[in-house]
């Protein structure tokens, strides 16, 4: 089963990459952008067809390695 994990900074955590991208977009004439936050996407191929098991495994992976849960949140999508 394919699992997509999106990891992003929690609200209130400074995002220097997002600020730089926002500034660059503004400089390029994209004036309608209110804010930019940069995150990462991780795509996993798990050896299971059980959705509950896939979500449980992905959550454990996020809590253990893939996300720094002190400053990051994450979402899990099954594909």
PDB file of N, CA and C in Angstrom:
ATOM      1  N   UNK A   1       0.843  -1.174   0.000  1.00  0.00           N
ATOM      2  CA  UNK A   1       0.000   0.000   0.000  1.00  0.00           C
ATOM      3  C   UNK A   1       0.890   1.239   0.000  1.00  0.00           C
ATOM      4  N   UNK A   2       0.503   2.212  -0.802  1.00  0.00           N
ATOM      5  CA  UNK A   2       1.239   3.470  -0.884  1.00  0.00           C
ATOM      6  C   UNK A   2       0.705   4.431   0.174  1.00  0.00           C
ATOM      7  N   UNK A   3       1.621   5.031   0.930  1.00  0.00           N
ATOM      8  CA  UNK A   3       1.272   5.982   1.985  1.00  0.00           C
ATOM      9  C   UNK A   3       2.044   7.276   1.740  1.00  0.00           C
ATOM     10  N   UNK A   4       1.334   8.390   1.777  1.00  0.00           N
ATOM     11  CA  UNK A   4       1.963   9.697   1.624  1.00  0.00           C
ATOM     12  C   UNK A   4       1.915  10.417   2.964  1.00  0.00           C
ATOM     13  N   UNK A   5       3.087  10.840   3.432  1.00  0.00           N
ATOM     14  CA  UNK A   5       3.208  11.576   4.686  1.00  0.00           C
ATOM     15  C   UNK A   5       3.641  13.000   4.348  1.00  0.00           C
ATOM     16  N   UNK A   6       2.878  13.975   4.802  1.00  0.00           N
ATOM     17  CA  UNK A   6       3.235  15.378   4.641  1.00  0.00           C
ATOM     18  C   UNK A   6       3.644  15.916   6.007  1.00  0.00           C
ATOM     19  N   UNK A   7       4.853  16.467   6.072  1.00  0.00           N
ATOM     20  CA  UNK A   7       5.403  16.999   7.319  1.00  0.00           C
ATOM     21  C   UNK A   7       5.574  18.512   7.142  1.00  0.00           C
ATOM     22  N   UNK A   8       5.116  19.270   8.133  1.00  0.00           N
ATOM     23  CA  UNK A   8       5.182  20.721   8.032  1.00  0.00           C
ATOM     24  C   UNK A   8       5.348  21.313   9.426  1.00  0.00           C
ATOM     25  N   UNK A   9       5.926  22.506   9.468  1.00  0.00           N
ATOM     26  CA  UNK A   9       6.165  23.175  10.750  1.00  0.00           C
ATOM     27  C   UNK A   9       4.849  23.560  11.408  1.00  0.00           C
ATOM     28  N   UNK A  10       4.806  23.453  12.725  1.00  0.00           N
ATOM     29  CA  UNK A  10       3.631  23.859  13.483  1.00  0.00           C
ATOM     30  C   UNK A  10       3.448  25.372  13.378  1.00  0.00           C
ATOM     31  N   UNK A  11       2.201  25.805  13.549  1.00  0.00           N
ATOM     32  CA  UNK A  11       1.930  27.241  13.588  1.00  0.00           C
ATOM     33  C   UNK A  11       2.753  27.867  14.708  1.00  0.00           C
ATOM     34  N   UNK A  12       3.319  29.020  14.433  1.00  0.00           N
ATOM     35  CA  UNK A  12       4.108  29.719  15.436  1.00  0.00           C
ATOM     36  C   UNK A  12       5.598  29.413  15.375  1.00  0.00           C
ATOM     37  N   UNK A  13       5.981  28.361  14.643  1.00  0.00           N
ATOM     38  CA  UNK A  13       7.397  28.038  14.482  1.00  0.00           C
ATOM     39  C   UNK A  13       7.914  28.816  13.272  1.00  0.00           C
ATOM     40  N   UNK A  14       9.006  29.535  13.460  1.00  0.00           N
ATOM     41  CA  UNK A  14       9.570  30.324  12.369  1.00  0.00           C
ATOM     42  C   UNK A  14       9.992  29.426  11.213  1.00  0.00           C
ATOM     43  N   UNK A  15       9.739  29.903   9.986  1.00  0.00           N
ATOM     44  CA  UNK A  15      10.047  29.146   8.773  1.00  0.00           C
ATOM     45  C   UNK A  15      10.912  30.007   7.850  1.00  0.00           C
ATOM     46  N   UNK A  16      12.240  30.011   8.050  1.00  0.00           N
ATOM     47  CA  UNK A  16      13.098  30.860   7.226  1.00  0.00           C
ATOM     48  C   UNK A  16      13.042  30.516   5.739  1.00  0.00           C
ATOM     49  N   UNK A  17      12.881  29.242   5.391  1.00  0.00           N
ATOM     50  CA  UNK A  17      12.763  28.864   3.974  1.00  0.00           C
ATOM     51  C   UNK A  17      11.479  29.433   3.384  1.00  0.00           C
ATOM     52  N   UNK A  18      10.415  29.369   4.145  1.00  0.00           N
ATOM     53  CA  UNK A  18       9.148  29.931   3.688  1.00  0.00           C
ATOM     54  C   UNK A  18       9.241  31.433   3.489  1.00  0.00           C
ATOM     55  N   UNK A  19       9.903  32.104   4.434  1.00  0.00           N
ATOM     56  CA  UNK A  19      10.090  33.559   4.314  1.00  0.00           C
ATOM     57  C   UNK A  19      10.891  33.907   3.062  1.00  0.00           C
ATOM     58  N   UNK A  20      11.960  33.149   2.805  1.00  0.00           N
ATOM     59  CA  UNK A  20      12.794  33.394   1.622  1.00  0.00           C
ATOM     60  C   UNK A  20      11.995  33.164   0.339  1.00  0.00           C
ATOM     61  N   UNK A  21      11.206  32.097   0.299  1.00  0.00           N
ATOM     62  CA  UNK A  21      10.385  31.809  -0.879  1.00  0.00           C
ATOM     63  C   UNK A  21       9.330  32.903  -1.067  1.00  0.00           C
ATOM     64  N   UNK A  22       8.728  33.361   0.032  1.00  0.00           N
ATOM     65  CA  UNK A  22       7.728  34.425  -0.043  1.00  0.00           C
ATOM     66  C   UNK A  22       8.338  35.702  -0.593  1.00  0.00           C
ATOM     67  N   UNK A  23       9.517  36.040  -0.099  1.00  0.00           N
ATOM     68  CA  UNK A  23      10.215  37.234  -0.578  1.00  0.00           C
ATOM     69  C   UNK A  23      10.539  37.105  -2.072  1.00  0.00           C
ATOM     70  N   UNK A  24      11.029  35.932  -2.482  1.00  0.00           N
ATOM     71  CA  UNK A  24      11.370  35.711  -3.894  1.00  0.00           C
ATOM     72  C   UNK A  24      10.124  35.810  -4.776  1.00  0.00           C
ATOM     73  N   UNK A  25       9.029  35.219  -4.343  1.00  0.00           N
ATOM     74  CA  UNK A  25       7.796  35.297  -5.127  1.00  0.00           C
ATOM     75  C   UNK A  25       7.318  36.738  -5.263  1.00  0.00           C
ATOM     76  N   UNK A  26       7.417  37.484  -4.159  1.00  0.00           N
ATOM     77  CA  UNK A  26       7.039  38.894  -4.183  1.00  0.00           C
ATOM     78  C   UNK A  26       7.917  39.667  -5.162  1.00  0.00           C
ATOM     79  N   UNK A  27       9.224  39.374  -5.135  1.00  0.00           N
ATOM     80  CA  UNK A  27      10.160  40.041  -6.045  1.00  0.00           C
ATOM     81  C   UNK A  27       9.883  39.709  -7.507  1.00  0.00           C
ATOM     82  N   UNK A  28       9.333  38.537  -7.751  1.00  0.00           N
ATOM     83  CA  UNK A  28       9.008  38.110  -9.120  1.00  0.00           C
ATOM     84  C   UNK A  28       7.639  38.611  -9.576  1.00  0.00           C
ATOM     85  N   UNK A  29       6.969  39.362  -8.725  1.00  0.00           N
ATOM     86  CA  UNK A  29       5.706  39.966  -9.115  1.00  0.00           C
ATOM     87  C   UNK A  29       4.459  39.219  -8.672  1.00  0.00           C
ATOM     88  N   UNK A  30       4.610  38.150  -7.894  1.00  0.00           N
ATOM     89  CA  UNK A  30       3.456  37.418  -7.386  1.00  0.00           C
ATOM     90  C   UNK A  30       2.993  38.088  -6.094  1.00  0.00           C
ATOM     91  N   UNK A  31       2.184  39.107  -6.230  1.00  0.00           N
ATOM     92  CA  UNK A  31       1.804  39.947  -5.090  1.00  0.00           C
ATOM     93  C   UNK A  31       0.647  39.366  -4.262  1.00  0.00           C
ATOM     94  N   UNK A  32      -0.045  38.366  -4.749  1.00  0.00           N
ATOM     95  CA  UNK A  32      -1.215  37.839  -4.058  1.00  0.00           C
ATOM     96  C   UNK A  32      -0.917  36.758  -3.039  1.00  0.00           C
ATOM     97  N   UNK A  33       0.360  36.507  -2.755  1.00  0.00           N
ATOM     98  CA  UNK A  33       0.729  35.447  -1.814  1.00  0.00           C
ATOM     99  C   UNK A  33       0.823  36.042  -0.410  1.00  0.00           C
ATOM    100  N   UNK A  34      -0.018  35.557   0.493  1.00  0.00           N
ATOM    101  CA  UNK A  34      -0.042  36.098   1.854  1.00  0.00           C
ATOM    102  C   UNK A  34       1.052  35.487   2.728  1.00  0.00           C
ATOM    103  N   UNK A  35       1.352  34.209   2.529  1.00  0.00           N
ATOM    104  CA  UNK A  35       2.346  33.536   3.371  1.00  0.00           C
ATOM    105  C   UNK A  35       2.813  32.284   2.646  1.00  0.00           C
ATOM    106  N   UNK A  36       4.013  31.837   2.965  1.00  0.00           N
ATOM    107  CA  UNK A  36       4.559  30.595   2.404  1.00  0.00           C
ATOM    108  C   UNK A  36       5.141  29.782   3.554  1.00  0.00           C
ATOM    109  N   UNK A  37       4.793  28.508   3.608  1.00  0.00           N
ATOM    110  CA  UNK A  37       5.358  27.572   4.579  1.00  0.00           C
ATOM    111  C   UNK A  37       5.942  26.412   3.774  1.00  0.00           C
ATOM    112  N   UNK A  38       7.154  26.013   4.089  1.00  0.00           N
ATOM    113  CA  UNK A  38       7.835  24.930   3.392  1.00  0.00           C
ATOM    114  C   UNK A  38       7.752  23.667   4.249  1.00  0.00           C
ATOM    115  N   UNK A  39       7.449  22.560   3.613  1.00  0.00           N
ATOM    116  CA  UNK A  39       7.389  21.276   4.306  1.00  0.00           C
ATOM    117  C   UNK A  39       8.072  20.210   3.473  1.00  0.00           C
ATOM    118  N   UNK A  40       7.790  18.974   3.805  1.00  0.00           N
ATOM    119  CA  UNK A  40       8.355  17.873   3.027  1.00  0.00           C
ATOM    120  C   UNK A  40       7.304  16.781   2.869  1.00  0.00           C
ATOM    121  N   UNK A  41       7.440  16.024   1.799  1.00  0.00           N
ATOM    122  CA  UNK A  41       6.535  14.918   1.531  1.00  0.00           C
ATOM    123  C   UNK A  41       7.347  13.639   1.436  1.00  0.00           C
ATOM    124  N   UNK A  42       6.872  12.617   2.119  1.00  0.00           N
ATOM    125  CA  UNK A  42       7.541  11.317   2.141  1.00  0.00           C
ATOM    126  C   UNK A  42       6.551  10.290   1.618  1.00  0.00           C
ATOM    127  N   UNK A  43       6.953   9.534   0.614  1.00  0.00           N
ATOM    128  CA  UNK A  43       6.077   8.516   0.035  1.00  0.00           C
ATOM    129  C   UNK A  43       6.639   7.152   0.397  1.00  0.00           C
ATOM    130  N   UNK A  44       5.801   6.357   1.056  1.00  0.00           N
ATOM    131  CA  UNK A  44       6.194   5.027   1.520  1.00  0.00           C
ATOM    132  C   UNK A  44       5.402   3.967   0.770  1.00  0.00           C
ATOM    133  N   UNK A  45       6.041   2.875   0.449  1.00  0.00           N
ATOM    134  CA  UNK A  45       5.352   1.709  -0.094  1.00  0.00           C
ATOM    135  C   UNK A  45       5.430   0.630   0.980  1.00  0.00           C
ATOM    136  N   UNK A  46       4.309   0.323   1.622  1.00  0.00           N
ATOM    137  CA  UNK A  46       4.279  -0.635   2.719  1.00  0.00           C
ATOM    138  C   UNK A  46       3.780  -1.991   2.227  1.00  0.00           C
ATOM    139  N   UNK A  47       4.309  -3.039   2.808  1.00  0.00           N
ATOM    140  CA  UNK A  47       3.927  -4.403   2.445  1.00  0.00           C
ATOM    141  C   UNK A  47       2.699  -4.850   3.229  1.00  0.00           C
ATOM    142  N   UNK A  48       1.591  -4.147   3.022  1.00  0.00           N
ATOM    143  CA  UNK A  48       0.329  -4.524   3.655  1.00  0.00           C
ATOM    144  C   UNK A  48      -0.821  -4.003   2.807  1.00  0.00           C
ATOM    145  N   UNK A  49      -1.949  -4.675   2.880  1.00  0.00           N
ATOM    146  CA  UNK A  49      -3.175  -4.205   2.233  1.00  0.00           C
ATOM    147  C   UNK A  49      -4.195  -3.740   3.267  1.00  0.00           C
ATOM    148  N   UNK A  50      -3.840  -3.829   4.537  1.00  0.00           N
ATOM    149  CA  UNK A  50      -4.721  -3.455   5.632  1.00  0.00           C
ATOM    150  C   UNK A  50      -4.539  -1.966   5.939  1.00  0.00           C
ATOM    151  N   UNK A  51      -5.593  -1.180   5.735  1.00  0.00           N
ATOM    152  CA  UNK A  51      -5.502   0.273   5.927  1.00  0.00           C
ATOM    153  C   UNK A  51      -5.170   0.658   7.364  1.00  0.00           C
ATOM    154  N   UNK A  52      -5.778  -0.009   8.324  1.00  0.00           N
ATOM    155  CA  UNK A  52      -5.498   0.304   9.728  1.00  0.00           C
ATOM    156  C   UNK A  52      -4.043   0.019  10.078  1.00  0.00           C
ATOM    157  N   UNK A  53      -3.529  -1.101   9.594  1.00  0.00           N
ATOM    158  CA  UNK A  53      -2.126  -1.447   9.845  1.00  0.00           C
ATOM    159  C   UNK A  53      -1.189  -0.434   9.187  1.00  0.00           C
ATOM    160  N   UNK A  54      -1.515  -0.022   7.962  1.00  0.00           N
ATOM    161  CA  UNK A  54      -0.693   0.959   7.247  1.00  0.00           C
ATOM    162  C   UNK A  54      -0.655   2.284   8.000  1.00  0.00           C
ATOM    163  N   UNK A  55      -1.824   2.740   8.477  1.00  0.00           N
ATOM    164  CA  UNK A  55      -1.869   3.995   9.234  1.00  0.00           C
ATOM    165  C   UNK A  55      -1.081   3.882  10.536  1.00  0.00           C
ATOM    166  N   UNK A  56      -1.212   2.751  11.210  1.00  0.00           N
ATOM    167  CA  UNK A  56      -0.491   2.534  12.471  1.00  0.00           C
ATOM    168  C   UNK A  56       1.017   2.542  12.232  1.00  0.00           C
ATOM    169  N   UNK A  57       1.464   1.839  11.197  1.00  0.00           N
ATOM    170  CA  UNK A  57       2.898   1.798  10.884  1.00  0.00           C
ATOM    171  C   UNK A  57       3.413   3.188  10.523  1.00  0.00           C
ATOM    172  N   UNK A  58       2.670   3.899   9.674  1.00  0.00           N
ATOM    173  CA  UNK A  58       3.098   5.233   9.249  1.00  0.00           C
ATOM    174  C   UNK A  58       3.158   6.192  10.438  1.00  0.00           C
ATOM    175  N   UNK A  59       2.171   6.119  11.323  1.00  0.00           N
ATOM    176  CA  UNK A  59       2.166   6.990  12.510  1.00  0.00           C
ATOM    177  C   UNK A  59       3.385   6.702  13.383  1.00  0.00           C
ATOM    178  N   UNK A  60       3.694   5.424  13.584  1.00  0.00           N
ATOM    179  CA  UNK A  60       4.867   5.062  14.380  1.00  0.00           C
ATOM    180  C   UNK A  60       6.153   5.567  13.732  1.00  0.00           C
ATOM    181  N   UNK A  61       6.234   5.464  12.402  1.00  0.00           N
ATOM    182  CA  UNK A  61       7.416   5.959  11.683  1.00  0.00           C
ATOM    183  C   UNK A  61       7.555   7.473  11.846  1.00  0.00           C
ATOM    184  N   UNK A  62       6.433   8.183  11.770  1.00  0.00           N
ATOM    185  CA  UNK A  62       6.467   9.638  11.932  1.00  0.00           C
ATOM    186  C   UNK A  62       6.893  10.029  13.334  1.00  0.00           C
ATOM    187  N   UNK A  63       6.317   9.376  14.323  1.00  0.00           N
ATOM    188  CA  UNK A  63       6.620   9.698  15.714  1.00  0.00           C
ATOM    189  C   UNK A  63       8.060   9.331  16.087  1.00  0.00           C
ATOM    190  N   UNK A  64       8.622   8.329  15.417  1.00  0.00           N
ATOM    191  CA  UNK A  64       9.961   7.846  15.738  1.00  0.00           C
ATOM    192  C   UNK A  64      11.054   8.547  14.943  1.00  0.00           C
ATOM    193  N   UNK A  65      10.798   8.819  13.640  1.00  0.00           N
ATOM    194  CA  UNK A  65      11.881   9.289  12.782  1.00  0.00           C
ATOM    195  C   UNK A  65      11.496  10.405  11.815  1.00  0.00           C
ATOM    196  N   UNK A  66      10.379  10.277  11.144  1.00  0.00           N
ATOM    197  CA  UNK A  66      10.097  11.132   9.997  1.00  0.00           C
ATOM    198  C   UNK A  66       9.732  12.567  10.348  1.00  0.00           C
ATOM    199  N   UNK A  67       9.198  12.794  11.533  1.00  0.00           N
ATOM    200  CA  UNK A  67       8.810  14.146  11.939  1.00  0.00           C
ATOM    201  C   UNK A  67       9.390  14.458  13.317  1.00  0.00           C
ATOM    202  N   UNK A  68       9.811  15.689  13.478  1.00  0.00           N
ATOM    203  CA  UNK A  68      10.221  16.174  14.798  1.00  0.00           C
ATOM    204  C   UNK A  68       8.958  16.742  15.437  1.00  0.00           C
ATOM    205  N   UNK A  69       8.282  15.932  16.223  1.00  0.00           N
ATOM    206  CA  UNK A  69       6.958  16.301  16.717  1.00  0.00           C
ATOM    207  C   UNK A  69       6.963  17.468  17.712  1.00  0.00           C
ATOM    208  N   UNK A  70       8.123  17.913  18.111  1.00  0.00           N
ATOM    209  CA  UNK A  70       8.200  19.104  18.965  1.00  0.00           C
ATOM    210  C   UNK A  70       7.855  20.344  18.141  1.00  0.00           C
ATOM    211  N   UNK A  71       8.324  20.390  16.894  1.00  0.00           N
ATOM    212  CA  UNK A  71       8.113  21.576  16.055  1.00  0.00           C
ATOM    213  C   UNK A  71       7.348  21.288  14.767  1.00  0.00           C
ATOM    214  N   UNK A  72       7.049  20.022  14.476  1.00  0.00           N
ATOM    215  CA  UNK A  72       6.388  19.670  13.222  1.00  0.00           C
ATOM    216  C   UNK A  72       5.101  18.878  13.458  1.00  0.00           C
ATOM    217  N   UNK A  73       4.153  19.084  12.565  1.00  0.00           N
ATOM    218  CA  UNK A  73       2.948  18.274  12.482  1.00  0.00           C
ATOM    219  C   UNK A  73       3.050  17.441  11.211  1.00  0.00           C
ATOM    220  N   UNK A  74       2.164  16.460  11.081  1.00  0.00           N
ATOM    221  CA  UNK A  74       2.174  15.639   9.872  1.00  0.00           C
ATOM    222  C   UNK A  74       0.771  15.138   9.576  1.00  0.00           C
ATOM    223  N   UNK A  75       0.558  14.813   8.318  1.00  0.00           N
ATOM    224  CA  UNK A  75      -0.666  14.155   7.897  1.00  0.00           C
ATOM    225  C   UNK A  75      -0.283  12.861   7.192  1.00  0.00           C
ATOM    226  N   UNK A  76      -1.189  11.897   7.236  1.00  0.00           N
ATOM    227  CA  UNK A  76      -0.972  10.605   6.584  1.00  0.00           C
ATOM    228  C   UNK A  76      -2.119  10.361   5.628  1.00  0.00           C
ATOM    229  N   UNK A  77      -1.784  10.055   4.374  1.00  0.00           N
ATOM    230  CA  UNK A  77      -2.791   9.754   3.356  1.00  0.00           C
ATOM    231  C   UNK A  77      -2.502   8.374   2.784  1.00  0.00           C
ATOM    232  N   UNK A  78      -3.529   7.561   2.652  1.00  0.00           N
ATOM    233  CA  UNK A  78      -3.388   6.258   2.010  1.00  0.00           C
ATOM    234  C   UNK A  78      -3.781   6.400   0.554  1.00  0.00           C
ATOM    235  N   UNK A  79      -2.956   5.849  -0.338  1.00  0.00           N
ATOM    236  CA  UNK A  79      -3.227   5.957  -1.777  1.00  0.00           C
ATOM    237  C   UNK A  79      -3.452   4.593  -2.379  1.00  0.00           C
TER     238      UNK A  79
END
